[in-house]
Protein backbone atom coordinates (compact mmCIF):
# COMPACT_ATOMS: atom_id res chain seq x y z
CA UNK A 1 0.00 0.00 0.00
CA UNK A 2 2.90 2.26 0.91
CA UNK A 3 4.63 1.43 -2.36
CA UNK A 4 1.46 2.13 -4.37
CA UNK A 5 1.13 5.60 -2.80
CA UNK A 6 4.79 6.34 -3.49
CA UNK A 7 4.47 5.25 -7.09
CA UNK A 8 1.34 7.36 -7.55
CA UNK A 9 3.05 10.43 -6.08
CA UNK A 10 6.15 9.98 -8.26
CA UNK A 11 4.06 9.53 -11.41
CA UNK A 12 2.03 12.68 -10.68
CA UNK A 13 5.17 14.74 -10.02
CA UNK A 14 6.82 13.65 -13.27
CA UNK A 15 3.65 14.34 -15.28
CA UNK A 16 3.41 17.86 -13.84
CA UNK A 17 7.06 18.59 -14.65
CA UNK A 18 6.67 17.41 -18.24
CA UNK A 19 3.58 19.59 -18.70
CA UNK A 20 5.39 22.63 -17.22
CA UNK A 21 8.42 22.17 -19.50
CA UNK A 22 6.27 21.75 -22.61
CA UNK A 23 4.51 25.12 -22.26
CA UNK A 24 7.49 27.48 -23.08
CA UNK A 25 8.70 25.21 -25.86
CA UNK A 26 5.32 25.43 -27.58
CA UNK A 27 5.26 29.25 -27.21
CA UNK A 28 8.67 29.66 -28.90
CA UNK A 29 7.70 27.52 -31.87
CA UNK A 30 5.18 30.17 -33.12
CA UNK A 31 6.85 33.64 -33.12
CA UNK A 32 4.33 36.42 -33.72
CA UNK A 33 6.53 38.57 -36.02
CA UNK A 34 7.07 35.96 -38.73
CA UNK A 35 4.47 36.46 -41.44
CA UNK A 36 4.39 35.29 -45.04
CA UNK A 37 4.33 38.95 -46.14
CA UNK A 38 7.85 39.47 -44.76
CA UNK A 39 9.33 37.16 -47.39
CA UNK A 40 10.11 38.97 -50.67
CA UNK A 41 10.15 35.92 -52.85
CA UNK A 42 10.69 36.34 -56.60
CA UNK A 43 11.94 39.75 -57.84
CA UNK A 44 12.61 41.21 -61.28
CA UNK A 45 15.38 43.80 -61.73
CA UNK A 46 15.30 46.13 -64.74
CA UNK A 47 16.74 49.42 -65.93
CA UNK A 48 14.94 52.25 -67.67
CA UNK A 49 15.99 55.34 -69.58
CA UNK A 50 14.20 58.48 -70.62
CA UNK A 51 15.29 61.33 -72.86
CA UNK A 52 13.67 64.60 -73.90
CA UNK A 53 14.84 67.20 -76.38
CA UNK A 54 14.85 70.59 -74.70
CA UNK A 55 14.76 73.81 -76.72
CA UNK A 56 17.25 76.30 -75.22
CA UNK A 57 15.79 79.64 -74.24
CA UNK A 58 18.95 81.48 -73.16
CA UNK A 59 22.21 82.36 -74.84
CA UNK A 60 25.58 82.85 -73.18
CA UNK A 61 28.17 84.96 -74.99
CA UNK A 62 31.82 85.14 -74.03
CA UNK A 63 33.95 88.06 -75.23
CA UNK A 64 37.37 89.44 -74.41
CA UNK A 65 39.52 92.49 -74.90
CA UNK A 66 43.31 92.52 -75.34
CA UNK A 67 45.44 95.65 -75.09
CA UNK A 68 49.15 95.73 -76.04
CA UNK A 69 51.28 98.48 -74.58
CA UNK A 70 54.85 98.95 -73.46
CA UNK A 71 53.57 100.36 -70.18
CA UNK A 72 51.39 98.17 -67.96
CA UNK A 73 49.53 101.08 -66.36
CA UNK A 74 48.72 102.69 -69.68
CA UNK A 75 47.60 99.37 -71.14
CA UNK A 76 45.43 98.66 -68.09
CA UNK A 77 43.80 102.09 -68.33
CA UNK A 78 43.03 101.64 -72.04
CA UNK A 79 41.58 98.18 -71.45
CA UNK A 80 39.49 99.43 -68.54
CA UNK A 81 38.10 102.22 -70.67
CA UNK A 82 36.99 99.77 -73.37
CA UNK A 83 35.40 97.43 -70.84
CA UNK A 84 33.65 100.35 -69.16
CA UNK A 85 32.02 101.35 -72.44
CA UNK A 86 31.00 97.75 -73.05
CA UNK A 87 29.34 97.46 -69.63
CA UNK A 88 27.47 100.73 -70.14
CA UNK A 89 26.25 99.46 -73.49
CA UNK A 90 25.00 96.21 -71.95
CA UNK A 91 23.15 98.00 -69.15
CA UNK A 92 21.59 100.38 -71.68
CA UNK A 93 20.20 97.31 -73.44
CA UNK A 94 18.62 96.00 -70.21
CA UNK A 95 21.20 93.28 -69.52
CA UNK A 96 20.96 92.62 -65.77
CA UNK A 97 24.20 92.91 -63.80
CA UNK A 98 23.70 89.39 -62.42
CA UNK A 99 23.96 88.11 -66.00
CA UNK A 100 27.37 89.73 -66.52
CA UNK A 101 30.55 88.09 -65.23
CA UNK A 102 34.11 89.31 -65.70
CA UNK A 103 37.35 87.37 -65.30
CA UNK A 104 40.72 88.31 -63.83
CA UNK A 105 43.17 90.44 -65.78
CA UNK A 106 46.01 88.52 -67.43
CA UNK A 107 49.33 90.19 -68.21
CA UNK A 108 51.85 88.62 -70.55
CA UNK A 109 55.27 89.94 -71.53
CA UNK A 110 55.80 89.52 -75.27
CA UNK A 111 59.24 89.44 -76.83
CA UNK A 112 60.73 89.04 -80.30
CA UNK A 113 63.35 86.35 -80.59
CA UNK A 114 66.28 86.83 -82.99
CA UNK A 115 67.40 83.45 -84.32
CA UNK A 116 70.71 84.84 -85.58
CA UNK A 117 71.86 86.46 -82.34
CA UNK A 118 69.90 84.22 -80.00
CA UNK A 119 68.66 87.23 -78.10
CA UNK A 120 65.11 88.25 -77.17
CA UNK A 121 63.96 91.84 -77.50
CA UNK A 122 61.08 93.18 -75.40
CA UNK A 123 58.10 94.28 -77.51
CA UNK A 124 55.22 95.09 -75.17
CA UNK A 125 52.89 93.78 -72.50
CA UNK A 126 49.69 92.04 -73.55
CA UNK A 127 46.87 92.69 -71.09
CA UNK A 128 43.66 90.72 -71.55
CA UNK A 129 40.36 90.27 -69.77
CA UNK A 130 37.28 88.32 -70.75
CA UNK A 131 33.64 88.58 -69.73
CA UNK A 132 30.47 86.60 -70.33
CA UNK A 133 26.85 87.66 -70.58
CA UNK A 134 23.60 85.72 -70.57
CA UNK A 135 20.79 86.84 -72.83
CA UNK A 136 17.35 85.86 -71.60
CA UNK A 137 16.16 86.93 -75.04
CA UNK A 138 18.40 85.13 -77.58
CA UNK A 139 17.00 87.24 -80.43
CA UNK A 140 19.12 90.17 -79.13
CA UNK A 141 22.44 88.55 -79.92
CA UNK A 142 22.99 90.29 -83.27
CA UNK A 143 22.53 93.72 -81.72
CA UNK A 144 24.71 92.91 -78.72
CA UNK A 145 27.40 91.26 -80.81
CA UNK A 146 27.75 94.14 -83.29
CA UNK A 147 27.56 96.78 -80.57
CA UNK A 148 30.39 95.27 -78.51
CA UNK A 149 32.65 94.83 -81.55
CA UNK A 150 32.10 98.45 -82.55
CA UNK A 151 33.09 99.55 -79.04
CA UNK A 152 36.51 97.91 -79.31
CA UNK A 153 35.92 94.40 -77.96
CA UNK A 154 38.43 92.49 -80.08
CA UNK A 155 37.94 88.86 -78.97
CA UNK A 156 34.91 86.68 -79.57
CA UNK A 157 35.42 83.42 -77.72
CA UNK A 158 32.25 81.35 -77.46
CA UNK A 159 28.47 81.15 -77.81
CA UNK A 160 26.60 78.63 -75.63
CA UNK A 161 22.90 77.78 -75.51
CA UNK A 162 21.36 77.30 -72.05
CA UNK A 163 18.15 76.18 -70.35
CA UNK A 164 16.48 78.50 -67.84
CA UNK A 165 14.67 75.58 -66.12
CA UNK A 166 16.67 72.35 -66.57
CA UNK A 167 14.78 70.64 -63.71
CA UNK A 168 11.59 70.76 -65.76
CA UNK A 169 13.14 68.64 -68.49
CA UNK A 170 14.88 66.40 -65.96
CA UNK A 171 11.50 65.57 -64.38
CA UNK A 172 10.02 64.77 -67.79
CA UNK A 173 12.94 62.48 -68.63
CA UNK A 174 12.70 60.82 -65.20
CA UNK A 175 9.00 60.02 -65.72
CA UNK A 176 9.83 58.46 -69.10
CA UNK A 177 12.59 56.37 -67.49
CA UNK A 178 10.16 54.97 -64.89
CA UNK A 179 7.64 54.05 -67.59
CA UNK A 180 10.38 52.40 -69.61
CA UNK A 181 11.45 50.28 -66.62
CA UNK A 182 7.85 49.28 -65.89
CA UNK A 183 7.39 48.25 -69.52
CA UNK A 184 10.48 46.04 -69.41
CA UNK A 185 9.39 44.44 -66.12
CA UNK A 186 5.93 43.68 -67.56
CA UNK A 187 7.45 42.02 -70.65
CA UNK A 188 9.79 39.87 -68.57
CA UNK A 189 7.05 38.81 -66.15
CA UNK A 190 4.58 38.00 -68.91
CA UNK A 191 7.13 35.99 -70.86
CA UNK A 192 8.23 34.03 -67.79
CA UNK A 193 4.66 33.38 -66.63
CA UNK A 194 4.67 35.62 -63.56
CA UNK A 195 2.48 38.46 -62.36
CA UNK A 196 3.99 41.72 -61.17
CA UNK A 197 3.62 42.86 -57.58
CA UNK A 198 4.72 45.96 -55.73
CA UNK A 199 7.84 47.94 -56.60
CA UNK A 200 10.56 47.18 -54.06
CA UNK A 201 13.03 49.94 -54.98
CA UNK A 202 13.78 52.63 -57.58
CA UNK A 203 17.18 54.24 -57.88
CA UNK A 204 18.33 56.97 -60.24
CA UNK A 205 21.61 56.30 -61.95
CA UNK A 206 24.37 58.70 -62.91
CA UNK A 207 22.94 62.00 -64.02
CA UNK A 208 23.65 63.14 -67.54
CA UNK A 209 24.65 66.78 -67.73
CA UNK A 210 22.90 68.45 -70.66
CA UNK A 211 25.47 69.18 -73.36
CA UNK A 212 24.69 72.65 -74.62
CA UNK A 213 25.37 73.40 -78.30
CA UNK A 214 28.31 75.74 -78.65
CA UNK A 215 29.87 77.86 -81.35
CA UNK A 216 33.60 78.27 -80.85
CA UNK A 217 34.88 81.38 -82.59
CA UNK A 218 38.57 81.13 -81.79
CA UNK A 219 39.13 84.64 -80.45
CA UNK A 220 39.70 86.56 -83.69
CA UNK A 221 37.09 89.05 -84.82
CA UNK A 222 37.96 89.39 -88.53
CA UNK A 223 35.16 88.63 -90.93
CA UNK A 224 32.82 87.74 -88.06
CA UNK A 225 32.74 91.38 -86.98
CA UNK A 226 32.13 92.61 -90.51
CA UNK A 227 29.29 90.13 -91.05
CA UNK A 228 27.68 91.10 -87.72
CA UNK A 229 28.02 94.78 -88.52
CA UNK A 230 26.30 94.26 -91.85
CA UNK A 231 23.52 92.23 -90.23
CA UNK A 232 24.27 89.02 -92.13
CA UNK A 233 26.45 85.96 -91.80
CA UNK A 234 26.51 85.16 -88.12
CA UNK A 235 22.77 85.56 -87.74
CA UNK A 236 22.14 82.92 -90.34
CA UNK A 237 24.26 80.35 -88.47
CA UNK A 238 22.77 80.75 -84.99
CA UNK A 239 20.06 78.10 -85.09
CA UNK A 240 19.04 77.21 -81.54
CA UNK A 241 18.62 73.48 -82.07
CA UNK A 242 17.86 71.25 -79.06
CA UNK A 243 19.65 69.99 -75.95
CA UNK A 244 19.17 66.29 -75.04
CA UNK A 245 18.33 65.65 -71.36
CA UNK A 246 18.63 61.97 -70.35
CA UNK A 247 17.92 60.06 -67.12
CA UNK A 248 18.68 56.40 -66.30
CA UNK A 249 17.14 54.43 -63.41
CA UNK A 250 17.15 50.90 -61.94
CA UNK A 251 14.03 49.22 -60.56
CA UNK A 252 13.28 46.06 -58.54
CA UNK A 253 9.71 44.66 -58.68
CA UNK A 254 8.08 41.74 -56.86
CA UNK A 255 6.75 38.88 -58.98
CA UNK A 256 4.54 35.93 -58.09
């Protein structure tokens, strides 16, 4: 009888311990934060590109003046006088000061080399300074060009076409790039027998800087000045054209 009671007590104690140990093990086997939605599964990675042709609406002109004189102070004064007249002319034609930028003055000593004696003889100092202007109305370039040449500006360096709102065209190209990537993802999914899900990520690639059309004029006025003064020649060659603005992206999309 004593042994039966002891056996019954031992059996009950062991059963209770087994039940107590089983409870935490069962709780750990079903974590609450693991859901099927947390698994990405199949993904499709594609790239997309978009490009728009932007019509430039501004024109940047770069000019320069060079003065040669045996005396630096006299040459500087003469160059400053020419530049002063040029700036007054620009302001009189409603060119805002913020659209005018001048560079530093460069001074170069010029000599004549004698090949027979091997000696160099001083000729003069060449003082030069350049400046650029932005025309918000490109149709004014003929008037501005001819006026500056007539005032003594003796270097014509470059014409560049610009965009006043490049972000506008960048946004348009970006939208086209997204549509292009979505089109590619749809083709791949349909061909492989999948259906597209949510977009996991979109990343813009390296930005393409718009390459503005330029006219390099090499610095010499020559026939360019005469054609501008007569109202022909340079005006006929200044077609605005277009500036390509391109955007590339990469996209990852779920598929099931």
